[in-house]
């Protein structure tokens, strides 16, 4: 059975779920606004991924991990703390969305890394105008303004106490209590700190600099709950354009799913990751 623990003695407490397995280590990193429970649909069942020692963690400011200012280097230090505490050696790092961006940066920090998997952690949907090729500029700018307004509204909502009906819809691990009121995690401050960093807006250039084997999984469908249509079609064209010509150590796979691939196609994601882990190095 998976084991939950909280690692102390670091800058912040770090919540971890050890899914077991006796093979080489794999660390799982969830996306922005998620928790380590994002990986539960993969049905790791105490055996990890294909027998690998598989450990998921809550990123800083998320789930049951402690609060701390968002900083990419500090977030990587948090992963280092988990790896050291659990004696995971030189793990493969698998990340979804924000976690995929961190996995890519992990590979830059650890040139000896045996591999990383980036599950749609490539760039924010609210990216630079040039990342939406083939779209009329006026329509593009209008749709980007709508997208910014959507993200602004989401951030404003996080800054307020949750009404009972919303609280009941959210997993308990994503909630925190302050002054007798219940709020969603992460905080609006953390969301803003991530949202405007160059790494979050575009991680694709970093993929060209890594040395280790890498798998990049790109969804083919619009993300749920966001304006889609022409803007997201142009966004995907930009991603495909910029992933072309990557070094031979980086393999790109498209998956018939949206950004929510972990819940929509968990078996397919597990199969892709497992095949990558089995591949000779």
Protein backbone atom coordinates (compact mmCIF):
# COMPACT_ATOMS: atom_id res chain seq x y z
CA UNK A 1 0.00 0.00 0.00
CA UNK A 2 1.19 3.57 -0.63
CA UNK A 3 2.67 5.30 2.40
CA UNK A 4 2.15 8.99 3.18
CA UNK A 5 4.74 10.96 5.14
CA UNK A 6 5.83 14.52 5.75
CA UNK A 7 9.53 15.33 5.47
CA UNK A 8 10.76 17.90 7.98
CA UNK A 9 14.17 19.44 8.53
CA UNK A 10 13.93 21.31 5.22
CA UNK A 11 13.03 24.97 4.63
CA UNK A 12 9.36 23.88 4.53
CA UNK A 13 7.62 20.58 5.35
CA UNK A 14 7.21 18.40 2.26
CA UNK A 15 4.34 15.94 1.90
CA UNK A 16 5.18 12.74 0.05
CA UNK A 17 3.37 9.58 -1.06
CA UNK A 18 5.61 6.56 -1.55
CA UNK A 19 3.92 4.22 -4.03
CA UNK A 20 6.44 1.46 -3.50
CA UNK A 21 8.39 -0.57 -6.01
CA UNK A 22 11.90 -1.92 -5.76
CA UNK A 23 13.44 -0.76 -9.03
CA UNK A 24 15.17 2.51 -9.93
CA UNK A 25 13.49 5.60 -8.51
CA UNK A 26 10.88 7.76 -10.22
CA UNK A 27 9.69 11.09 -8.77
CA UNK A 28 6.25 12.39 -9.81
CA UNK A 29 5.53 16.15 -9.87
CA UNK A 30 1.97 17.47 -10.28
CA UNK A 31 0.77 20.62 -12.03
CA UNK A 32 -0.13 24.11 -10.81
CA UNK A 33 -3.08 23.94 -8.44
CA UNK A 34 -2.82 20.16 -8.12
CA UNK A 35 -1.56 17.78 -5.45
CA UNK A 36 0.23 14.44 -5.34
CA UNK A 37 -3.21 12.83 -5.68
CA UNK A 38 -3.13 13.83 -9.36
CA UNK A 39 -1.21 10.59 -9.97
CA UNK A 40 -3.73 8.29 -8.26
CA UNK A 41 -5.63 7.57 -11.54
CA UNK A 42 -2.51 5.78 -12.83
CA UNK A 43 -3.38 3.00 -10.36
CA UNK A 44 0.15 2.53 -9.04
CA UNK A 45 -1.24 0.11 -6.41
CA UNK A 46 1.80 -0.05 -4.16
CA UNK A 47 4.02 -1.33 -6.98
CA UNK A 48 5.08 1.98 -8.49
CA UNK A 49 5.41 2.38 -12.24
CA UNK A 50 6.41 -0.96 -13.75
CA UNK A 51 8.07 -1.93 -10.47
CA UNK A 52 10.10 1.27 -10.20
CA UNK A 53 10.32 2.91 -6.75
CA UNK A 54 7.78 5.65 -7.39
CA UNK A 55 7.34 8.68 -5.14
CA UNK A 56 4.91 11.58 -5.59
CA UNK A 57 5.17 14.86 -3.69
CA UNK A 58 3.14 18.00 -3.06
CA UNK A 59 4.97 21.01 -4.45
CA UNK A 60 5.55 23.99 -2.19
CA UNK A 61 2.36 25.89 -1.46
CA UNK A 62 0.26 22.93 -2.62
CA UNK A 63 -1.49 20.09 -0.85
CA UNK A 64 -0.03 19.33 2.57
CA UNK A 65 3.42 20.79 1.86
CA UNK A 66 4.42 24.02 3.54
CA UNK A 67 4.06 27.54 2.24
CA UNK A 68 7.00 29.36 0.77
CA UNK A 69 7.59 31.99 -1.90
CA UNK A 70 7.61 30.55 -5.40
CA UNK A 71 11.07 30.29 -6.85
CA UNK A 72 12.07 27.70 -9.44
CA UNK A 73 15.41 27.01 -7.77
CA UNK A 74 13.74 26.57 -4.37
CA UNK A 75 11.15 24.23 -5.88
CA UNK A 76 14.00 22.14 -7.30
CA UNK A 77 15.68 22.22 -3.89
CA UNK A 78 12.45 20.76 -2.46
CA UNK A 79 12.72 17.84 -4.90
CA UNK A 80 16.37 17.41 -3.88
CA UNK A 81 15.29 17.23 -0.23
CA UNK A 82 12.82 14.43 -0.99
CA UNK A 83 15.41 12.53 -3.03
CA UNK A 84 17.97 12.77 -0.22
CA UNK A 85 15.57 11.92 2.59
CA UNK A 86 14.25 8.80 0.85
CA UNK A 87 17.67 7.86 -0.57
CA UNK A 88 16.33 7.78 -4.12
CA UNK A 89 19.74 8.18 -5.74
CA UNK A 90 19.51 9.48 -9.29
CA UNK A 91 15.79 9.34 -10.14
CA UNK A 92 13.86 9.74 -13.35
CA UNK A 93 11.57 12.75 -12.91
CA UNK A 94 8.08 12.72 -14.40
CA UNK A 95 6.02 15.90 -14.31
CA UNK A 96 2.66 17.14 -15.54
CA UNK A 97 2.17 20.80 -16.52
CA UNK A 98 4.12 22.86 -13.93
CA UNK A 99 5.70 19.58 -12.83
CA UNK A 100 6.87 18.95 -16.39
CA UNK A 101 8.51 22.36 -16.43
CA UNK A 102 10.29 21.47 -13.20
CA UNK A 103 11.32 18.10 -14.64
CA UNK A 104 12.94 19.91 -17.57
CA UNK A 105 14.83 22.20 -15.22
CA UNK A 106 15.84 19.19 -13.12
CA UNK A 107 17.54 17.77 -16.22
CA UNK A 108 19.47 21.00 -16.65
CA UNK A 109 20.57 20.90 -13.00
CA UNK A 110 21.38 17.15 -13.13
CA UNK A 111 23.13 16.40 -16.40
CA UNK A 112 23.56 12.79 -15.24
CA UNK A 113 19.80 12.31 -14.87
CA UNK A 114 18.66 8.98 -16.40
CA UNK A 115 15.65 10.67 -17.98
CA UNK A 116 12.68 12.99 -17.62
CA UNK A 117 9.08 12.93 -18.82
CA UNK A 118 7.31 16.21 -19.53
CA UNK A 119 3.53 15.80 -19.79
CA UNK A 120 2.33 19.03 -21.41
CA UNK A 121 4.58 21.26 -19.35
CA UNK A 122 5.65 23.30 -22.34
CA UNK A 123 4.22 26.80 -22.11
CA UNK A 124 1.33 28.67 -20.61
CA UNK A 125 -1.77 29.02 -22.77
CA UNK A 126 -1.31 32.74 -22.04
CA UNK A 127 1.90 32.97 -24.00
CA UNK A 128 3.64 35.45 -26.29
CA UNK A 129 1.66 36.51 -29.39
CA UNK A 130 4.17 34.88 -31.72
CA UNK A 131 3.28 31.48 -30.29
CA UNK A 132 -0.11 31.45 -32.07
CA UNK A 133 0.91 31.15 -35.75
CA UNK A 134 -1.65 31.35 -38.53
CA UNK A 135 -4.19 33.35 -36.52
CA UNK A 136 -5.45 36.80 -37.45
CA UNK A 137 -3.58 39.22 -35.13
CA UNK A 138 -6.70 41.17 -34.14
CA UNK A 139 -8.64 38.00 -33.31
CA UNK A 140 -5.61 36.59 -31.49
CA UNK A 141 -5.23 39.67 -29.31
CA UNK A 142 -8.93 39.67 -28.51
CA UNK A 143 -8.86 36.01 -27.49
CA UNK A 144 -5.71 36.50 -25.43
CA UNK A 145 -7.44 39.34 -23.58
CA UNK A 146 -10.34 36.98 -22.82
CA UNK A 147 -7.89 34.36 -21.58
CA UNK A 148 -6.13 36.87 -19.33
CA UNK A 149 -9.49 37.88 -17.89
CA UNK A 150 -10.27 34.22 -17.16
CA UNK A 151 -6.99 33.73 -15.33
CA UNK A 152 -7.45 37.02 -13.47
CA UNK A 153 -10.88 35.89 -12.29
CA UNK A 154 -9.47 32.54 -11.15
CA UNK A 155 -6.75 34.28 -9.14
CA UNK A 156 -9.28 36.65 -7.57
CA UNK A 157 -11.45 33.70 -6.58
CA UNK A 158 -8.55 31.97 -4.84
CA UNK A 159 -7.93 35.07 -2.72
CA UNK A 160 -11.42 34.87 -1.15
CA UNK A 161 -12.83 32.31 1.33
CA UNK A 162 -14.56 29.42 -0.41
CA UNK A 163 -18.34 29.23 -0.24
CA UNK A 164 -19.68 25.95 1.09
CA UNK A 165 -20.79 24.69 -2.32
CA UNK A 166 -17.31 25.12 -3.82
CA UNK A 167 -15.60 23.75 -0.75
CA UNK A 168 -17.63 20.54 -1.07
CA UNK A 169 -16.46 20.11 -4.68
CA UNK A 170 -12.75 20.31 -3.90
CA UNK A 171 -10.50 17.58 -2.50
CA UNK A 172 -9.64 18.20 1.17
CA UNK A 173 -5.93 18.13 0.35
CA UNK A 174 -6.37 21.32 -1.71
CA UNK A 175 -7.93 23.29 1.17
CA UNK A 176 -6.48 25.28 4.04
CA UNK A 177 -8.03 27.14 6.96
CA UNK A 178 -7.14 30.66 8.08
CA UNK A 179 -8.94 32.72 10.69
CA UNK A 180 -11.85 30.33 10.69
CA UNK A 181 -12.31 30.53 6.91
CA UNK A 182 -11.49 27.90 4.29
CA UNK A 183 -9.38 28.83 1.25
CA UNK A 184 -8.11 26.95 -1.78
CA UNK A 185 -4.43 26.24 -2.23
CA UNK A 186 -2.22 27.43 -3.77
CA UNK A 187 -2.57 31.09 -2.81
CA UNK A 188 -3.23 33.91 -5.23
CA UNK A 189 0.28 35.18 -4.49
CA UNK A 190 1.86 31.90 -5.57
CA UNK A 191 -0.28 31.73 -8.70
CA UNK A 192 0.81 35.23 -9.69
CA UNK A 193 4.45 34.48 -8.92
CA UNK A 194 4.40 31.46 -11.24
CA UNK A 195 2.23 32.98 -13.95
CA UNK A 196 4.56 35.78 -14.94
CA UNK A 197 7.88 33.92 -14.95
CA UNK A 198 9.60 33.34 -18.30
CA UNK A 199 9.93 29.62 -17.53
CA UNK A 200 6.16 29.23 -17.12
CA UNK A 201 5.38 31.24 -20.21
CA UNK A 202 7.70 29.08 -22.31
CA UNK A 203 9.75 26.04 -21.30
CA UNK A 204 10.27 24.79 -24.87
CA UNK A 205 13.68 26.51 -25.35
CA UNK A 206 15.01 24.68 -22.29
CA UNK A 207 14.31 21.30 -23.91
CA UNK A 208 16.96 22.09 -26.51
CA UNK A 209 19.59 22.33 -23.77
CA UNK A 210 19.09 19.07 -21.87
CA UNK A 211 21.41 16.09 -22.33
CA UNK A 212 19.45 13.19 -20.85
CA UNK A 213 16.76 11.10 -22.58
CA UNK A 214 13.40 12.86 -22.46
CA UNK A 215 9.82 12.11 -23.41
CA UNK A 216 7.49 15.01 -24.17
CA UNK A 217 3.77 14.25 -24.36
CA UNK A 218 1.59 16.81 -26.16
CA UNK A 219 -2.23 16.79 -25.99
CA UNK A 220 -4.29 17.23 -29.15
CA UNK A 221 -7.49 18.61 -27.57
CA UNK A 222 -8.53 21.91 -26.00
CA UNK A 223 -8.03 22.21 -22.24
CA UNK A 224 -11.28 21.90 -20.27
CA UNK A 225 -12.83 24.97 -18.70
CA UNK A 226 -10.89 27.46 -20.81
CA UNK A 227 -11.60 29.42 -23.98
CA UNK A 228 -10.60 27.13 -26.82
CA UNK A 229 -11.39 27.08 -30.49
CA UNK A 230 -9.20 29.08 -32.81
CA UNK A 231 -6.80 30.34 -30.13
CA UNK A 232 -5.99 26.88 -28.81
CA UNK A 233 -5.67 25.45 -32.33
CA UNK A 234 -3.12 28.18 -33.08
CA UNK A 235 -1.42 27.49 -29.75
CA UNK A 236 -0.97 23.82 -30.68
CA UNK A 237 0.42 24.83 -34.09
CA UNK A 238 2.99 26.95 -32.29
CA UNK A 239 3.95 24.10 -29.97
CA UNK A 240 4.38 21.68 -32.90
CA UNK A 241 6.41 24.28 -34.78
CA UNK A 242 8.77 24.84 -31.87
CA UNK A 243 9.15 21.17 -30.95
CA UNK A 244 10.32 20.37 -34.47
CA UNK A 245 14.02 19.72 -34.75
CA UNK A 246 14.63 18.93 -31.09
CA UNK A 247 17.82 17.00 -30.29
CA UNK A 248 17.67 13.23 -30.77
CA UNK A 249 17.58 12.62 -27.01
CA UNK A 250 14.12 14.25 -26.81
CA UNK A 251 11.18 12.22 -28.15
CA UNK A 252 7.77 13.83 -28.72
CA UNK A 253 4.48 11.90 -28.58
CA UNK A 254 1.01 13.30 -29.20
CA UNK A 255 -1.88 11.95 -27.11
CA UNK A 256 -5.58 12.14 -27.93
CA UNK A 257 -6.50 13.97 -24.75
CA UNK A 258 -6.53 17.47 -23.29
CA UNK A 259 -4.25 19.03 -20.69
CA UNK A 260 -6.22 16.91 -18.18
CA UNK A 261 -4.64 13.75 -19.59
CA UNK A 262 -3.98 12.23 -16.16
CA UNK A 263 -7.71 11.92 -15.50
CA UNK A 264 -8.86 11.46 -19.11
CA UNK A 265 -6.31 8.87 -20.29
CA UNK A 266 -4.45 7.55 -17.22
CA UNK A 267 -3.78 4.12 -18.73
CA UNK A 268 -2.38 5.66 -21.91
CA UNK A 269 -0.15 8.00 -19.91
CA UNK A 270 1.09 5.12 -17.75
CA UNK A 271 1.84 3.09 -20.89
CA UNK A 272 3.86 5.91 -22.46
CA UNK A 273 5.83 6.53 -19.27
CA UNK A 274 6.44 2.82 -18.68
CA UNK A 275 7.70 2.32 -22.24
CA UNK A 276 10.09 5.23 -21.71
CA UNK A 277 11.35 3.75 -18.43
CA UNK A 278 11.92 0.37 -20.10
CA UNK A 279 13.82 1.81 -23.07
CA UNK A 280 17.57 1.07 -23.07
CA UNK A 281 19.76 4.00 -22.13
